[in-house]
Amino acid sequence: MRTLLIIALGVAAVLLLLRYCPVARRAPAMVGFSLVWLAVCAWNLSVGLSHGHALGEELLVHAVLFGVPVALGWWRVRWGDAAA
């Protein structure tokens, strides 16, 4: 359940960012979002590891936590305007 909440938070954040960001600045904004989201996921990984979860299982979960919002954001930057 926590995984879905974090993914939903990331998706909501990236959609809000791209909605209010001018088209010309969306790519640099996504670079910034990707770095900040990576830091958030790294912090969340450290919390999971401190609670006794194995690194192998946490890495798979955090690849999804990082990948879904960031991939959606970059897809919207690259093809979002053409699809709308």
C-alpha atoms as a PDB file:
ATOM      1  CA  MET A   1       0.000   0.000   0.000  1.00  0.00           C
ATOM      2  CA  ARG A   2       2.815   2.397   0.838  1.00  0.00           C
ATOM      3  CA  THR A   3       4.404   1.708  -2.541  1.00  0.00           C
ATOM      4  CA  LEU A   4       1.230   2.727  -4.361  1.00  0.00           C
ATOM      5  CA  LEU A   5       0.959   5.903  -2.293  1.00  0.00           C
ATOM      6  CA  ILE A   6       4.521   6.929  -3.105  1.00  0.00           C
ATOM      7  CA  ILE A   7       4.017   6.214  -6.808  1.00  0.00           C
ATOM      8  CA  ALA A   8       0.772   8.235  -6.753  1.00  0.00           C
ATOM      9  CA  LEU A   9       2.577  11.086  -4.992  1.00  0.00           C
ATOM     10  CA  GLY A  10       5.335  11.063  -7.616  1.00  0.00           C
ATOM     11  CA  VAL A  11       2.874  10.939 -10.514  1.00  0.00           C
ATOM     12  CA  ALA A  12       0.832  13.787  -9.037  1.00  0.00           C
ATOM     13  CA  ALA A  13       3.967  15.868  -8.464  1.00  0.00           C
ATOM     14  CA  VAL A  14       5.279  15.378 -11.991  1.00  0.00           C
ATOM     15  CA  LEU A  15       1.883  16.120 -13.567  1.00  0.00           C
ATOM     16  CA  LEU A  16       1.529  19.308 -11.528  1.00  0.00           C
ATOM     17  CA  LEU A  17       5.065  20.328 -12.437  1.00  0.00           C
ATOM     18  CA  LEU A  18       4.448  19.858 -16.143  1.00  0.00           C
ATOM     19  CA  ARG A  19       1.021  21.472 -16.037  1.00  0.00           C
ATOM     20  CA  TYR A  20       2.323  24.760 -14.635  1.00  0.00           C
ATOM     21  CA  CYS A  21       5.728  24.781 -16.326  1.00  0.00           C
ATOM     22  CA  PRO A  22       6.124  26.611 -19.649  1.00  0.00           C
ATOM     23  CA  VAL A  23       6.733  24.280 -22.590  1.00  0.00           C
ATOM     24  CA  ALA A  24      10.211  25.660 -23.228  1.00  0.00           C
ATOM     25  CA  ARG A  25      11.310  24.874 -19.660  1.00  0.00           C
ATOM     26  CA  ARG A  26       9.817  21.416 -19.271  1.00  0.00           C
ATOM     27  CA  ALA A  27      12.975  19.462 -20.136  1.00  0.00           C
ATOM     28  CA  PRO A  28      15.157  21.313 -17.580  1.00  0.00           C
ATOM     29  CA  ALA A  29      12.326  21.013 -15.048  1.00  0.00           C
ATOM     30  CA  MET A  30      12.236  17.256 -15.620  1.00  0.00           C
ATOM     31  CA  VAL A  31      15.980  17.019 -15.053  1.00  0.00           C
ATOM     32  CA  GLY A  32      15.477  18.758 -11.721  1.00  0.00           C
ATOM     33  CA  PHE A  33      12.487  16.598 -10.853  1.00  0.00           C
ATOM     34  CA  SER A  34      14.415  13.436 -11.743  1.00  0.00           C
ATOM     35  CA  LEU A  35      17.264  14.389  -9.418  1.00  0.00           C
ATOM     36  CA  VAL A  36      14.968  15.380  -6.556  1.00  0.00           C
ATOM     37  CA  TRP A  37      12.857  12.235  -6.993  1.00  0.00           C
ATOM     38  CA  LEU A  38      16.042  10.142  -7.013  1.00  0.00           C
ATOM     39  CA  ALA A  39      17.012  11.711  -3.674  1.00  0.00           C
ATOM     40  CA  VAL A  40      13.525  11.016  -2.267  1.00  0.00           C
ATOM     41  CA  CYS A  41      13.733   7.385  -3.419  1.00  0.00           C
ATOM     42  CA  ALA A  42      17.235   7.026  -1.968  1.00  0.00           C
ATOM     43  CA  TRP A  43      15.996   8.347   1.381  1.00  0.00           C
ATOM     44  CA  ASN A  44      13.044   5.950   1.248  1.00  0.00           C
ATOM     45  CA  LEU A  45      15.441   3.101   0.429  1.00  0.00           C
ATOM     46  CA  SER A  46      17.526   3.923   3.488  1.00  0.00           C
ATOM     47  CA  VAL A  47      14.380   3.883   5.639  1.00  0.00           C
ATOM     48  CA  GLY A  48      13.436   0.464   4.272  1.00  0.00           C
ATOM     49  CA  LEU A  49      16.901  -0.896   4.883  1.00  0.00           C
ATOM     50  CA  SER A  50      16.938   0.469   8.423  1.00  0.00           C
ATOM     51  CA  HIS A  51      13.720  -1.448   9.097  1.00  0.00           C
ATOM     52  CA  GLY A  52      15.401  -4.717   8.192  1.00  0.00           C
ATOM     53  CA  HIS A  53      14.338  -5.244   4.577  1.00  0.00           C
ATOM     54  CA  ALA A  54      16.871  -6.879   2.256  1.00  0.00           C
ATOM     55  CA  LEU A  55      18.639  -4.744  -0.322  1.00  0.00           C
ATOM     56  CA  GLY A  56      17.655  -7.092  -3.153  1.00  0.00           C
ATOM     57  CA  GLU A  57      13.932  -6.767  -2.558  1.00  0.00           C
ATOM     58  CA  GLU A  58      14.152  -3.029  -1.868  1.00  0.00           C
ATOM     59  CA  LEU A  59      16.034  -2.300  -5.106  1.00  0.00           C
ATOM     60  CA  LEU A  60      13.293  -3.804  -7.239  1.00  0.00           C
ATOM     61  CA  VAL A  61      10.591  -1.856  -5.431  1.00  0.00           C
ATOM     62  CA  HIS A  62      12.554   1.385  -5.637  1.00  0.00           C
ATOM     63  CA  ALA A  63      13.267   0.924  -9.326  1.00  0.00           C
ATOM     64  CA  VAL A  64       9.497   1.040  -9.811  1.00  0.00           C
ATOM     65  CA  LEU A  65       9.067   3.918  -7.340  1.00  0.00           C
ATOM     66  CA  PHE A  66      11.613   5.967  -9.261  1.00  0.00           C
ATOM     67  CA  GLY A  67      10.863   4.740 -12.750  1.00  0.00           C
ATOM     68  CA  VAL A  68       7.098   5.217 -13.036  1.00  0.00           C
ATOM     69  CA  PRO A  69       6.881   8.967 -12.252  1.00  0.00           C
ATOM     70  CA  VAL A  70      10.112   9.829 -14.058  1.00  0.00           C
ATOM     71  CA  ALA A  71       9.211   7.813 -17.173  1.00  0.00           C
ATOM     72  CA  LEU A  72       5.758   9.392 -17.239  1.00  0.00           C
ATOM     73  CA  GLY A  73       7.265  12.848 -16.938  1.00  0.00           C
ATOM     74  CA  TRP A  74       9.793  12.326 -19.708  1.00  0.00           C
ATOM     75  CA  TRP A  75       7.112  10.755 -21.911  1.00  0.00           C
ATOM     76  CA  ARG A  76       4.930  13.846 -21.370  1.00  0.00           C
ATOM     77  CA  VAL A  77       7.867  16.144 -22.191  1.00  0.00           C
ATOM     78  CA  ARG A  78       8.711  14.259 -25.372  1.00  0.00           C
ATOM     79  CA  TRP A  79       5.346  13.129 -26.717  1.00  0.00           C
ATOM     80  CA  GLY A  80       2.740  14.643 -24.414  1.00  0.00           C
ATOM     81  CA  ASP A  81       1.901  17.690 -26.534  1.00  0.00           C
ATOM     82  CA  ALA A  82       1.599  15.618 -29.700  1.00  0.00           C
ATOM     83  CA  ALA A  83      -0.728  13.132 -27.994  1.00  0.00           C
ATOM     84  CA  ALA A  84      -3.004  15.831 -26.551  1.00  0.00           C
END
